[in-house]
N, C-alpha and C. Protein backbone atom coordinates (compact mmCIF):
# COMPACT_ATOMS: atom_id res chain seq x y z
N MET A 1 9.86 38.57 3.54
CA MET A 1 10.66 38.06 4.58
C MET A 1 10.52 39.66 5.57
N ASP A 2 10.78 39.59 6.38
CA ASP A 2 10.85 40.63 7.57
C ASP A 2 12.21 40.75 7.96
N ASN A 3 12.30 42.38 8.14
CA ASN A 3 14.12 42.79 8.54
C ASN A 3 14.43 42.68 10.08
N LYS A 4 14.11 41.48 10.48
CA LYS A 4 14.56 41.63 11.99
C LYS A 4 15.70 41.62 12.21
N PRO A 5 16.35 42.10 13.20
CA PRO A 5 17.96 41.88 13.34
C PRO A 5 18.57 40.43 13.74
N LEU A 6 19.67 40.12 13.51
CA LEU A 6 19.83 38.81 13.56
C LEU A 6 19.77 37.99 14.98
N SER A 7 20.25 38.99 16.02
CA SER A 7 20.07 38.71 17.10
C SER A 7 18.75 38.25 17.69
N GLU A 8 17.46 38.68 17.27
CA GLU A 8 16.10 38.68 17.37
C GLU A 8 15.53 37.27 16.53
N LEU A 9 16.26 36.52 15.87
CA LEU A 9 16.02 35.25 15.44
C LEU A 9 16.14 34.26 15.83
N SER A 10 15.64 32.93 15.75
CA SER A 10 15.56 31.87 16.48
C SER A 10 16.42 31.03 15.38
N ASP A 11 17.10 29.84 16.13
CA ASP A 11 17.69 29.13 15.41
C ASP A 11 17.66 28.99 13.86
N GLU A 12 16.07 28.40 13.98
CA GLU A 12 15.31 27.67 12.70
C GLU A 12 15.38 29.06 11.61
N GLU A 13 15.27 30.10 12.15
CA GLU A 13 14.96 31.03 11.13
C GLU A 13 16.18 31.38 10.65
N LEU A 14 17.46 31.26 11.45
CA LEU A 14 18.83 31.41 11.17
C LEU A 14 19.42 30.76 10.07
N LEU A 15 18.85 29.59 10.48
CA LEU A 15 19.59 28.55 9.48
C LEU A 15 18.53 28.32 7.75
N ALA A 16 17.50 29.19 8.54
CA ALA A 16 16.27 29.40 6.93
C ALA A 16 17.14 30.60 5.94
N ARG A 17 17.25 31.35 6.65
CA ARG A 17 18.30 32.79 5.99
C ARG A 17 19.11 32.28 5.09
N ALA A 18 20.27 31.19 5.98
CA ALA A 18 21.57 30.98 5.54
C ALA A 18 21.31 30.39 4.50
N GLU A 19 20.34 29.52 4.38
CA GLU A 19 20.45 28.73 3.12
C GLU A 19 19.67 29.17 1.79
N THR A 20 19.13 30.11 1.99
CA THR A 20 19.13 31.32 0.55
C THR A 20 19.79 31.08 -0.23
N PRO A 21 19.38 30.90 -1.52
CA PRO A 21 20.42 31.03 -2.62
C PRO A 21 21.04 32.29 -3.13
N LYS A 22 22.05 32.52 -3.19
CA LYS A 22 22.49 33.71 -3.32
C LYS A 22 23.61 33.85 -4.50
N ALA A 23 23.17 34.98 -5.60
CA ALA A 23 23.77 34.88 -7.21
C ALA A 23 25.20 34.82 -6.90
N SER A 24 26.07 34.22 -7.53
CA SER A 24 27.08 34.44 -7.75
C SER A 24 27.86 35.79 -8.67
N PRO A 25 28.36 36.29 -7.74
CA PRO A 25 29.19 37.82 -8.16
C PRO A 25 30.10 37.52 -9.56
N ILE A 26 30.33 36.79 -10.10
CA ILE A 26 31.14 35.96 -11.25
C ILE A 26 29.66 35.73 -12.30
N VAL A 27 28.57 35.43 -11.88
CA VAL A 27 27.20 35.05 -12.88
C VAL A 27 26.89 36.23 -13.27
N THR A 28 26.99 37.12 -11.98
CA THR A 28 26.38 38.47 -12.54
C THR A 28 26.58 39.10 -13.18
N ALA A 29 28.55 39.47 -12.76
CA ALA A 29 29.40 39.80 -14.02
C ALA A 29 29.36 39.95 -15.80
N THR A 30 29.19 38.69 -15.36
CA THR A 30 28.77 37.62 -16.77
C THR A 30 27.53 37.92 -17.46
N LEU A 31 26.58 38.21 -16.84
CA LEU A 31 25.40 38.50 -17.55
C LEU A 31 25.08 40.14 -17.56
N ILE A 32 25.87 40.63 -17.09
CA ILE A 32 25.94 42.37 -17.15
C ILE A 32 26.75 42.26 -18.44
N GLY A 33 28.15 41.68 -18.31
CA GLY A 33 28.69 42.18 -19.23
C GLY A 33 28.13 41.36 -20.93
N PHE A 34 27.29 40.50 -20.71
CA PHE A 34 26.82 40.18 -21.99
C PHE A 34 25.34 41.29 -22.46
N MET A 35 25.13 41.64 -21.54
CA MET A 35 23.72 42.49 -21.89
C MET A 35 24.53 43.67 -22.08
N PHE A 36 25.25 44.25 -21.74
CA PHE A 36 26.17 45.86 -22.48
C PHE A 36 26.45 45.15 -23.94
N GLY A 37 26.96 44.38 -23.89
CA GLY A 37 27.45 43.30 -25.47
C GLY A 37 26.38 43.60 -26.48
N VAL A 38 24.85 43.03 -25.83
CA VAL A 38 23.28 43.41 -26.76
C VAL A 38 23.50 44.63 -27.15
N ILE A 39 23.62 45.81 -25.88
CA ILE A 39 23.57 47.32 -26.00
C ILE A 39 24.40 48.02 -27.14
N ILE A 40 25.56 47.55 -27.03
CA ILE A 40 26.72 47.99 -27.94
C ILE A 40 26.09 47.35 -29.61
N TYR A 41 25.64 46.02 -29.55
CA TYR A 41 25.37 45.37 -30.95
C TYR A 41 24.42 46.04 -31.18
N SER A 42 23.20 46.53 -30.69
CA SER A 42 22.24 47.64 -31.06
C SER A 42 22.48 48.75 -31.53
N VAL A 43 23.02 49.25 -30.84
CA VAL A 43 23.47 50.96 -31.09
C VAL A 43 24.42 50.47 -32.56
N VAL A 44 25.19 49.67 -32.60
CA VAL A 44 26.11 49.78 -34.01
C VAL A 44 25.03 48.94 -35.06
N GLN A 45 24.01 48.59 -34.70
CA GLN A 45 23.15 48.48 -36.08
C GLN A 45 21.98 49.35 -36.24
N ASN A 46 22.44 50.29 -35.30
CA ASN A 46 21.11 51.32 -35.39
C ASN A 46 19.53 50.81 -34.88
N THR A 47 19.43 50.23 -33.87
CA THR A 47 18.00 49.50 -33.98
C THR A 47 17.76 49.42 -32.32
N TRP A 48 17.42 51.04 -32.18
CA TRP A 48 17.01 51.41 -30.74
C TRP A 48 15.52 50.68 -30.90
N GLY A 49 15.55 50.26 -29.72
CA GLY A 49 14.03 50.05 -28.99
C GLY A 49 14.06 48.92 -27.87
N LEU A 50 13.47 47.38 -28.28
CA LEU A 50 13.48 46.64 -26.77
C LEU A 50 14.67 46.29 -27.22
N LEU A 51 15.38 45.80 -28.35
CA LEU A 51 16.61 45.37 -27.97
C LEU A 51 17.56 45.80 -27.32
N THR A 52 17.79 47.31 -27.20
CA THR A 52 18.29 48.04 -25.92
C THR A 52 17.69 48.56 -24.59
N LEU A 53 15.93 48.54 -24.53
CA LEU A 53 16.00 48.96 -23.43
C LEU A 53 15.43 47.65 -22.30
N ILE A 54 15.33 46.48 -23.09
CA ILE A 54 15.38 45.19 -21.79
C ILE A 54 16.49 44.99 -21.53
N PRO A 55 17.55 45.14 -21.85
CA PRO A 55 19.10 44.70 -20.95
C PRO A 55 19.44 45.75 -19.85
N ILE A 56 18.70 47.23 -20.63
CA ILE A 56 19.20 48.32 -19.69
C ILE A 56 17.96 47.76 -18.51
N PHE A 57 16.70 47.43 -18.53
CA PHE A 57 16.21 46.78 -17.39
C PHE A 57 16.67 45.99 -16.71
N PHE A 58 17.31 44.69 -17.24
CA PHE A 58 17.95 43.81 -16.49
C PHE A 58 19.32 44.20 -15.71
N ILE A 59 19.88 44.77 -16.37
CA ILE A 59 21.08 45.42 -15.71
C ILE A 59 20.83 46.08 -14.65
N TYR A 60 19.69 47.07 -14.42
CA TYR A 60 19.22 47.71 -13.46
C TYR A 60 18.82 46.63 -12.17
N LYS A 61 17.94 45.65 -12.40
CA LYS A 61 17.86 44.62 -11.57
C LYS A 61 18.57 44.03 -10.93
N LEU A 62 19.93 43.49 -11.55
CA LEU A 62 20.67 42.55 -11.06
C LEU A 62 21.37 43.53 -10.71
N VAL A 63 21.80 45.10 -10.43
CA VAL A 63 22.94 46.09 -10.05
C VAL A 63 21.97 46.27 -8.35
N THR A 64 20.79 46.29 -8.09
CA THR A 64 19.91 46.75 -7.36
C THR A 64 19.58 45.52 -6.44
N GLY A 65 19.62 44.60 -7.12
CA GLY A 65 19.89 43.04 -6.42
C GLY A 65 20.64 42.53 -5.52
N SER A 66 21.86 42.89 -5.99
CA SER A 66 23.12 42.79 -5.41
C SER A 66 23.45 43.31 -4.41
N LYS A 67 23.19 44.76 -4.32
CA LYS A 67 23.11 45.90 -3.47
C LYS A 67 22.30 45.49 -2.15
N GLN A 68 21.13 44.98 -2.43
CA GLN A 68 19.67 44.08 -1.57
C GLN A 68 20.70 43.30 -0.61
N GLN A 69 21.36 42.15 -1.51
CA GLN A 69 21.87 41.12 -0.84
C GLN A 69 23.08 40.81 0.11
N GLN A 70 23.62 42.37 -0.07
CA GLN A 70 25.19 42.77 0.76
C GLN A 70 24.51 43.00 2.27
N LYS A 71 23.56 43.44 2.08
CA LYS A 71 23.28 44.03 3.40
C LYS A 71 22.63 43.15 4.33
């Protein structure tokens, strides 16, 4: 999707942009909290590896995705 200013978009393009689904902040916060729980469990059980790295990657993607939605 191109990043044209809103003043240059047609009515149809504005409606299409408004209808795009956005993640709820509560859902995002819940997922991040769950993934932090998985990381803490992994650290307590001394199982460093994919069980620790995968949630870190997903947390990063959720945080950067939410910043892009705010623009």
